[in-house]
Protein backbone atom coordinates (compact mmCIF):
# COMPACT_ATOMS: atom_id res chain seq x y z
CA MET A 1 0.00 0.00 0.00
CA ILE A 2 2.90 2.34 0.68
CA TYR A 3 4.02 2.09 -2.96
CA ALA A 4 0.55 3.04 -4.20
CA LEU A 5 0.55 6.06 -1.85
CA LEU A 6 3.99 7.41 -2.79
CA PRO A 7 2.72 9.67 -5.62
CA VAL A 8 0.00 11.05 -3.30
CA TRP A 9 2.55 11.82 -0.58
CA GLN A 10 4.87 13.36 -3.17
CA ALA A 11 2.11 15.80 -4.15
CA ASP A 12 1.05 16.54 -0.55
CA PHE A 13 4.52 17.09 0.90
CA GLY A 14 6.58 18.11 -2.16
CA LEU A 15 9.10 15.28 -1.88
CA ASN A 16 11.86 14.17 -4.27
CA PHE A 17 12.73 10.54 -5.06
CA GLY A 18 15.25 10.30 -2.25
CA ALA A 19 12.79 11.55 0.36
CA LEU A 20 10.10 9.16 -0.86
CA ALA A 21 12.56 6.31 -0.54
CA VAL A 22 13.31 7.40 3.04
CA LEU A 23 9.59 7.16 3.85
CA ARG A 24 9.51 3.59 2.55
CA GLY A 25 12.81 2.91 4.30
CA LEU A 26 11.51 3.99 7.72
CA TYR A 27 8.86 1.28 7.65
CA ALA A 28 11.19 -1.40 6.30
CA GLY A 29 14.06 -0.31 8.56
CA ALA A 30 11.99 -0.62 11.73
CA MET A 31 10.74 -4.01 10.58
CA ALA A 32 14.27 -5.24 9.81
CA THR A 33 15.86 -3.93 13.01
CA LEU A 34 13.37 -5.65 15.30
CA GLN A 35 13.29 -9.11 13.68
CA LEU A 36 15.70 -10.70 16.17
CA PRO A 37 14.14 -9.00 19.24
CA ALA A 38 10.75 -10.27 18.03
CA GLY A 39 12.07 -13.83 18.24
CA ARG A 40 13.25 -13.27 21.81
CA LEU A 41 9.89 -11.75 22.73
CA ALA A 42 8.11 -14.79 21.28
CA ARG A 43 10.12 -17.08 23.58
CA ALA A 44 8.74 -15.12 26.52
CA LEU A 45 5.14 -14.52 25.39
CA GLY A 46 4.57 -17.31 22.87
CA THR A 47 4.25 -17.13 19.10
CA ARG A 48 0.50 -16.50 19.03
CA ALA A 49 0.53 -13.59 21.50
CA THR A 50 3.56 -11.97 19.87
CA LEU A 51 2.08 -12.23 16.36
CA ALA A 52 -1.26 -10.82 17.53
CA LEU A 53 0.34 -7.88 19.35
CA GLY A 54 2.62 -7.15 16.41
CA THR A 55 -0.27 -7.15 13.95
CA LEU A 56 -2.24 -4.84 16.23
CA LEU A 57 0.71 -2.43 16.48
CA ALA A 58 1.13 -2.44 12.68
CA ALA A 59 -2.56 -1.60 12.24
CA LEU A 60 -2.41 1.20 14.81
CA GLY A 61 0.62 2.62 13.01
CA TYR A 62 -1.44 2.97 9.83
CA ALA A 63 -4.22 4.62 11.85
CA ALA A 64 -1.67 7.10 13.23
CA ALA A 65 -0.44 7.77 9.67
CA GLY A 66 -4.00 8.68 8.75
CA MET A 67 -4.20 11.07 11.70
CA SER A 68 -0.87 12.78 10.98
CA GLY A 69 -0.97 16.27 9.56
CA THR A 70 2.78 16.69 9.18
CA LEU A 71 5.59 14.85 7.42
CA PHE A 72 7.24 14.12 10.78
CA GLY A 73 4.04 12.53 12.09
CA LEU A 74 3.82 10.37 8.99
CA CYS A 75 7.42 9.22 9.48
CA VAL A 76 6.79 8.26 13.12
CA ALA A 77 3.61 6.38 12.20
CA LEU A 78 5.33 4.38 9.46
CA ALA A 79 8.16 3.45 11.83
CA LEU A 80 5.58 2.32 14.43
CA SER A 81 3.80 0.16 11.86
CA GLY A 82 7.11 -1.34 10.75
CA ALA A 83 7.93 -2.24 14.35
CA GLY A 84 4.69 -4.19 14.63
CA SER A 85 5.30 -5.94 11.32
CA SER A 86 8.71 -7.19 12.51
CA THR A 87 7.01 -10.08 14.34
CA GLN A 88 5.44 -11.71 11.30
CA HIS A 89 8.13 -13.08 9.00
CA PRO A 90 10.47 -14.99 11.34
CA LEU A 91 7.79 -16.32 13.69
CA ALA A 92 5.35 -17.47 11.03
CA SER A 93 8.08 -18.97 8.82
CA GLY A 94 9.61 -20.72 11.83
CA ALA A 95 6.22 -22.14 12.81
CA VAL A 96 5.64 -23.52 9.31
CA SER A 97 9.16 -24.96 9.15
CA ARG A 98 8.83 -26.68 12.53
CA ALA A 99 5.39 -28.06 11.68
CA TYR A 100 6.47 -29.63 8.37
CA GLY A 101 10.12 -30.45 9.03
CA SER A 102 11.97 -31.67 5.93
CA ASP A 103 8.81 -31.17 3.84
CA ALA A 104 8.59 -27.45 4.64
CA ARG A 105 9.63 -26.05 1.22
CA GLY A 106 6.16 -26.47 -0.31
CA PRO A 107 4.22 -25.11 2.70
CA LEU A 108 6.61 -22.14 2.94
CA SER A 109 5.86 -21.38 -0.71
CA ILE A 110 2.13 -21.52 0.01
CA TYR A 111 2.61 -19.22 3.02
CA ASN A 112 4.46 -16.67 0.86
CA PHE A 113 1.86 -17.11 -1.91
CA ALA A 114 -0.92 -16.27 0.56
CA GLY A 115 0.92 -13.11 1.57
CA ASP A 116 1.07 -11.96 -2.03
CA LEU A 117 -2.69 -12.42 -2.39
CA GLY A 118 -3.00 -9.62 0.16
CA LYS A 119 -0.40 -7.57 -1.71
CA SER A 120 -2.51 -7.97 -4.84
CA ALA A 121 -5.80 -6.92 -3.25
CA LEU A 122 -4.88 -4.09 -0.88
CA PRO A 123 -2.91 -1.75 -3.22
CA ALA A 124 -5.74 -1.97 -5.76
CA ALA A 125 -8.31 -1.33 -3.02
CA ILE A 126 -6.55 1.68 -1.54
CA SER A 127 -5.90 3.18 -4.99
CA VAL A 128 -9.63 3.08 -5.67
CA MET A 129 -10.47 4.34 -2.17
CA ILE A 130 -8.25 7.44 -2.48
CA THR A 131 -10.20 8.47 -5.58
CA ILE A 132 -13.43 8.67 -3.56
CA MET A 133 -12.15 9.74 -0.13
CA PRO A 134 -9.06 11.42 1.41
CA TRP A 135 -6.05 9.10 1.71
CA ARG A 136 -6.12 9.50 5.50
CA HIS A 137 -9.64 8.06 5.67
CA ALA A 138 -8.57 5.18 3.44
CA LEU A 139 -5.75 4.36 5.85
CA TRP A 140 -8.17 4.36 8.78
CA ALA A 141 -10.32 1.79 6.98
CA MET A 142 -7.28 -0.41 6.33
CA SER A 143 -6.24 -0.04 9.96
CA GLY A 144 -9.63 -1.39 11.05
CA LEU A 145 -9.02 -4.44 8.87
CA GLY A 146 -5.65 -4.94 10.57
CA VAL A 147 -7.22 -4.81 14.04
CA LEU A 148 -9.69 -7.50 12.95
CA VAL A 149 -6.85 -9.73 11.70
CA ALA A 150 -5.00 -9.28 15.01
CA ALA A 151 -8.09 -10.48 16.87
CA VAL A 152 -8.38 -13.54 14.62
CA ILE A 153 -4.72 -14.43 15.26
CA ALA A 154 -5.15 -14.06 19.02
CA LEU A 155 -8.22 -16.30 19.07
CA PHE A 156 -7.54 -18.97 16.47
CA LEU A 157 -3.84 -19.39 15.60
CA PRO A 158 -2.91 -23.00 16.54
CA SER A 159 0.33 -24.09 18.12
CA PRO A 160 1.94 -26.34 15.49
CA ALA A 161 3.10 -29.81 16.43
CA LEU A 162 6.83 -30.26 16.01
CA ALA A 163 7.90 -32.39 13.02
CA PRO A 164 11.64 -32.93 13.44
CA ARG A 165 13.75 -32.61 10.32
CA ALA A 166 15.63 -35.79 9.56
CA GLN A 167 19.26 -34.68 9.56
CA PRO A 168 22.28 -36.87 10.15
CA ARG A 169 24.96 -35.51 12.41
CA ALA A 170 27.22 -33.41 10.22
CA SER A 171 31.00 -33.32 10.33
CA HIS A 172 32.72 -30.06 11.23
CA ARG A 173 33.65 -29.65 7.57
CA ALA A 174 30.04 -30.19 6.43
CA ALA A 175 28.75 -27.84 9.13
CA GLY A 176 31.22 -25.19 8.02
CA SER A 177 30.11 -25.63 4.40
CA ALA A 178 26.46 -25.23 5.47
CA ARG A 179 27.30 -22.02 7.37
CA ALA A 180 29.12 -20.64 4.33
CA GLY A 181 26.16 -21.68 2.20
CA PHE A 182 23.78 -19.84 4.51
CA TRP A 183 25.76 -16.60 4.18
CA LEU A 184 25.91 -16.95 0.40
CA LEU A 185 22.14 -17.48 0.45
CA PHE A 186 21.89 -14.40 2.69
CA ALA A 187 23.85 -12.28 0.17
CA ILE A 188 21.68 -13.52 -2.70
CA GLY A 189 18.57 -12.63 -0.71
CA VAL A 190 19.89 -9.12 0.02
CA LEU A 191 20.60 -8.41 -3.66
CA ASP A 192 17.34 -9.98 -4.82
CA THR A 193 15.41 -7.75 -2.42
CA ALA A 194 17.36 -4.71 -3.62
CA VAL A 195 16.25 -5.43 -7.18
CA ARG A 196 12.61 -5.86 -6.18
CA MET A 197 12.36 -2.83 -3.90
CA GLY A 198 14.34 -0.58 -6.22
CA LEU A 199 12.12 -1.39 -9.17
CA LEU A 200 8.89 -1.03 -7.20
CA THR A 201 10.02 2.40 -5.97
CA PHE A 202 10.33 3.66 -9.55
CA LEU A 203 7.47 1.70 -11.11
CA PRO A 204 4.72 4.30 -10.42
CA PHE A 205 6.87 7.04 -11.93
CA LEU A 206 7.75 4.97 -15.00
CA LEU A 207 4.06 4.24 -15.53
CA LYS A 208 3.07 7.83 -14.84
CA ALA A 209 5.48 8.97 -17.58
CA LYS A 210 3.67 6.56 -19.93
CA GLY A 211 0.33 8.26 -19.12
CA ILE A 212 -1.31 5.91 -16.63
CA SER A 213 -4.29 7.15 -14.56
CA GLN A 214 -4.36 6.97 -10.76
CA PRO A 215 -7.02 4.21 -10.56
CA MET A 216 -5.06 2.18 -13.12
CA MET A 217 -1.93 2.64 -10.99
CA GLY A 218 -3.43 0.41 -8.31
CA THR A 219 -4.40 -2.12 -10.98
CA ALA A 220 -0.81 -2.11 -12.24
CA PHE A 221 0.51 -2.93 -8.79
CA ALA A 222 -2.15 -5.61 -8.44
CA LEU A 223 -0.87 -7.16 -11.69
CA VAL A 224 2.69 -7.17 -10.34
CA PHE A 225 1.72 -8.73 -7.04
CA MET A 226 -0.66 -11.25 -8.60
CA GLY A 227 2.22 -12.35 -10.77
CA GLY A 228 4.41 -12.35 -7.68
CA ALA A 229 1.97 -14.61 -5.85
CA ALA A 230 1.96 -17.04 -8.76
CA GLY A 231 5.76 -16.83 -8.94
CA LYS A 232 6.19 -17.71 -5.29
CA PHE A 233 3.89 -20.70 -5.64
CA LEU A 234 5.38 -21.89 -8.94
CA CYS A 235 9.05 -21.29 -8.11
CA GLY A 236 8.76 -23.01 -4.75
CA TRP A 237 7.48 -26.06 -6.62
CA LEU A 238 10.19 -25.74 -9.29
CA GLY A 239 12.90 -25.31 -6.67
CA ALA A 240 11.90 -28.60 -5.05
CA ARG A 241 11.97 -30.46 -8.36
CA LEU A 242 14.41 -28.70 -10.68
CA GLY A 243 16.92 -27.38 -8.15
CA VAL A 244 17.53 -24.10 -6.39
CA CYS A 245 20.34 -22.84 -8.61
CA GLY A 246 18.66 -23.47 -11.96
CA THR A 247 15.48 -21.76 -10.78
CA VAL A 248 17.37 -18.70 -9.52
CA PHE A 249 19.36 -18.45 -12.76
CA ALA A 250 16.09 -18.35 -14.70
CA THR A 251 14.29 -15.85 -12.46
CA GLU A 252 17.15 -13.36 -12.20
CA GLY A 253 17.92 -13.46 -15.91
CA GLY A 254 14.24 -13.08 -16.71
CA THR A 255 13.95 -10.19 -14.27
CA ALA A 256 16.79 -8.27 -15.95
CA ALA A 257 15.34 -8.81 -19.43
CA LEU A 258 11.80 -7.81 -18.43
CA ILE A 259 12.96 -4.65 -16.63
CA VAL A 260 14.58 -3.47 -19.86
CA ALA A 261 11.41 -4.37 -21.77
CA LEU A 262 9.25 -2.45 -19.29
CA ILE A 263 11.30 0.71 -19.86
CA ALA A 264 11.15 0.42 -23.65
CA LEU A 265 7.48 -0.53 -24.16
CA PRO A 266 4.48 1.85 -24.35
CA LEU A 267 1.81 1.70 -21.65
CA ALA A 268 -0.48 -1.11 -22.90
CA PRO A 269 2.22 -3.73 -23.58
CA ALA A 270 4.08 -2.60 -20.45
CA LEU A 271 0.98 -3.45 -18.40
CA ALA A 272 0.85 -6.85 -20.10
CA VAL A 273 4.45 -7.50 -19.05
CA LEU A 274 3.83 -6.69 -15.37
CA PRO A 275 2.40 -10.07 -14.23
CA VAL A 276 5.33 -11.98 -15.76
CA LEU A 277 7.78 -9.49 -14.26
CA GLY A 278 6.08 -9.99 -10.89
CA MET A 279 6.56 -13.76 -11.24
CA MET A 280 10.28 -13.30 -11.82
CA LEU A 281 10.71 -10.65 -9.11
CA ASN A 282 9.05 -12.64 -6.33
CA GLY A 283 9.71 -16.18 -7.47
CA THR A 284 13.33 -16.10 -6.36
CA SER A 285 12.44 -15.22 -2.78
CA SER A 286 10.22 -18.30 -2.45
CA VAL A 287 13.12 -20.55 -3.46
CA LEU A 288 15.50 -18.78 -1.07
CA TYR A 289 13.15 -18.96 1.93
CA GLY A 290 12.61 -22.67 1.36
CA THR A 291 16.38 -23.24 1.35
CA VAL A 292 17.02 -21.58 4.76
CA PRO A 293 15.98 -24.68 6.81
CA GLU A 294 18.18 -26.90 4.64
CA LEU A 295 21.29 -24.97 5.69
CA THR A 296 20.31 -24.60 9.36
CA PRO A 297 20.12 -26.95 12.40
CA LEU A 298 16.53 -27.51 13.53
CA GLU A 299 17.03 -25.78 16.89
CA ASN A 300 18.21 -22.59 15.14
CA THR A 301 15.38 -22.35 12.61
CA GLU A 302 13.67 -19.22 13.98
CA ARG A 303 17.02 -17.46 14.49
CA ALA A 304 18.12 -18.32 10.95
CA PHE A 305 14.87 -16.99 9.52
CA ALA A 306 15.20 -13.86 11.66
CA LEU A 307 18.74 -13.26 10.38
CA PHE A 308 17.72 -13.89 6.79
CA TYR A 309 14.67 -11.64 6.99
CA THR A 310 16.65 -8.96 8.81
CA GLY A 311 19.11 -8.84 5.93
CA THR A 312 16.49 -8.86 3.20
CA ILE A 313 14.25 -6.30 4.89
CA ALA A 314 17.22 -4.06 5.70
CA SER A 315 18.05 -4.27 2.01
CA GLY A 316 14.44 -3.30 1.32
CA ALA A 317 14.91 -0.26 3.55
CA LEU A 318 18.31 0.90 2.29
CA SER A 319 18.32 -0.03 -1.38
CA PRO A 320 15.40 2.26 -2.35
CA VAL A 321 17.29 5.14 -0.71
CA ALA A 322 20.40 4.33 -2.75
CA TYR A 323 18.41 3.92 -5.94
CA GLY A 324 16.41 7.06 -5.11
CA VAL A 325 19.58 9.14 -4.80
CA LEU A 326 20.79 7.59 -8.06
CA GLY A 327 17.43 8.42 -9.65
CA ASP A 328 17.78 12.08 -8.62
CA ARG A 329 21.12 12.12 -10.46
CA ILE A 330 20.47 10.08 -13.61
CA GLY A 331 16.69 9.87 -13.77
CA ALA A 332 14.14 7.15 -13.06
CA GLN A 333 14.98 5.16 -16.20
CA GLY A 334 18.71 5.08 -15.49
CA ALA A 335 18.18 3.97 -11.89
CA THR A 336 15.76 1.28 -13.07
CA ILE A 337 18.39 -0.06 -15.46
CA ALA A 338 20.72 -0.26 -12.44
CA THR A 339 18.24 -2.65 -10.79
CA ALA A 340 18.52 -4.94 -13.84
CA ALA A 341 22.31 -4.90 -13.50
CA THR A 342 21.96 -5.88 -9.83
CA ALA A 343 19.85 -8.89 -10.83
CA LEU A 344 22.64 -10.10 -13.12
CA ALA A 345 25.19 -9.66 -10.30
CA ILE A 346 23.44 -12.48 -8.40
CA VAL A 347 24.48 -15.12 -10.95
CA PRO A 348 28.10 -15.65 -9.74
CA LEU A 349 26.88 -15.97 -6.14
CA VAL A 350 24.54 -18.76 -7.19
CA VAL A 351 27.46 -20.55 -8.86
CA ALA A 352 29.37 -20.37 -5.55
CA LEU A 353 26.33 -21.61 -3.59
CA ARG A 354 25.70 -24.70 -5.74
CA PRO A 355 28.35 -27.05 -4.17
CA ARG A 356 27.30 -26.09 -0.62
CA LEU A 357 23.68 -27.16 -0.92
CA PRO A 358 22.57 -30.47 0.68
CA GLY A 359 22.81 -33.30 -1.83
CA ALA A 360 25.24 -31.44 -4.08
CA PRO A 361 28.02 -33.66 -5.46
CA LYS A 362 31.26 -33.23 -3.51
CA ARG A 363 34.57 -32.54 -5.22
CA ARG A 364 36.99 -35.44 -4.93
CA SER A 365 40.21 -34.69 -3.06
């Protein structure tokens, strides 16, 4: 929803690309910073209570954003909402991983797919709402929805039964290879997030330059996120059957090619490209999330997810700022091309990760 509101906030507060990226970064930065503390809080309060309280805080942050009359108030509200959102990724992913054990890759893909269904519906909804009411009122309505979801979590979220992952005791050498593999996976996740967040920051301005209307802007984001939802579901399945590395090669190469196509095409074909681009943008993340448990001991699952999400969400906070500053210097199109170059930079990291994955053939000494 923040992406759909960026042009509105630009008009209300007279902001440049860098300042808009800072707004987005405040939310993502608070969410990234508090991932690990959220895990510690869950050990004290329980997963269900922590998730419910976090969701409530996120919803109240959006309500406060709707009440704010100044840029400073908006910044504080977004940081508050990001703090509440910090509970969701590591705790929910850890719960799914513990419940399904060695079969968690598919359920984790479904979990991420479900999240993108919300990302498809809510930007479209708020884009329509701000055409018939002030954006502050639209945020209050969305905040009410968040409060309802928090209540559902508090009342109905089950405590998953533990399904231990079948893992033989690893040698020190194998454990060291798994740790190195995790950090390579971490770096790939950071760069992949930078590509996604950088492109989404500039997407409304690229489409606006092509003549898109404000109601269609929300539809455009819905197309991206619908494609992203399908990409998370499909690529999680492909990763389990065709391999992590081959899937990531395909998604990152496809992302770079489609970003260039998006810049070059007029509005109608550019809109047609958006669902496929969304598949490529979000499909990689599904494969990466499903690989985290494979490189991590069972007892460290939540911590590993917290570390991984901290890195990717911090990238989501900082990379739009970097791309925004670059956009102020070379324009939105030039900065968008830089996101395509970042996608291609992932390829050598995937090559280095391949021999460190479980089941990869070992080099003979």
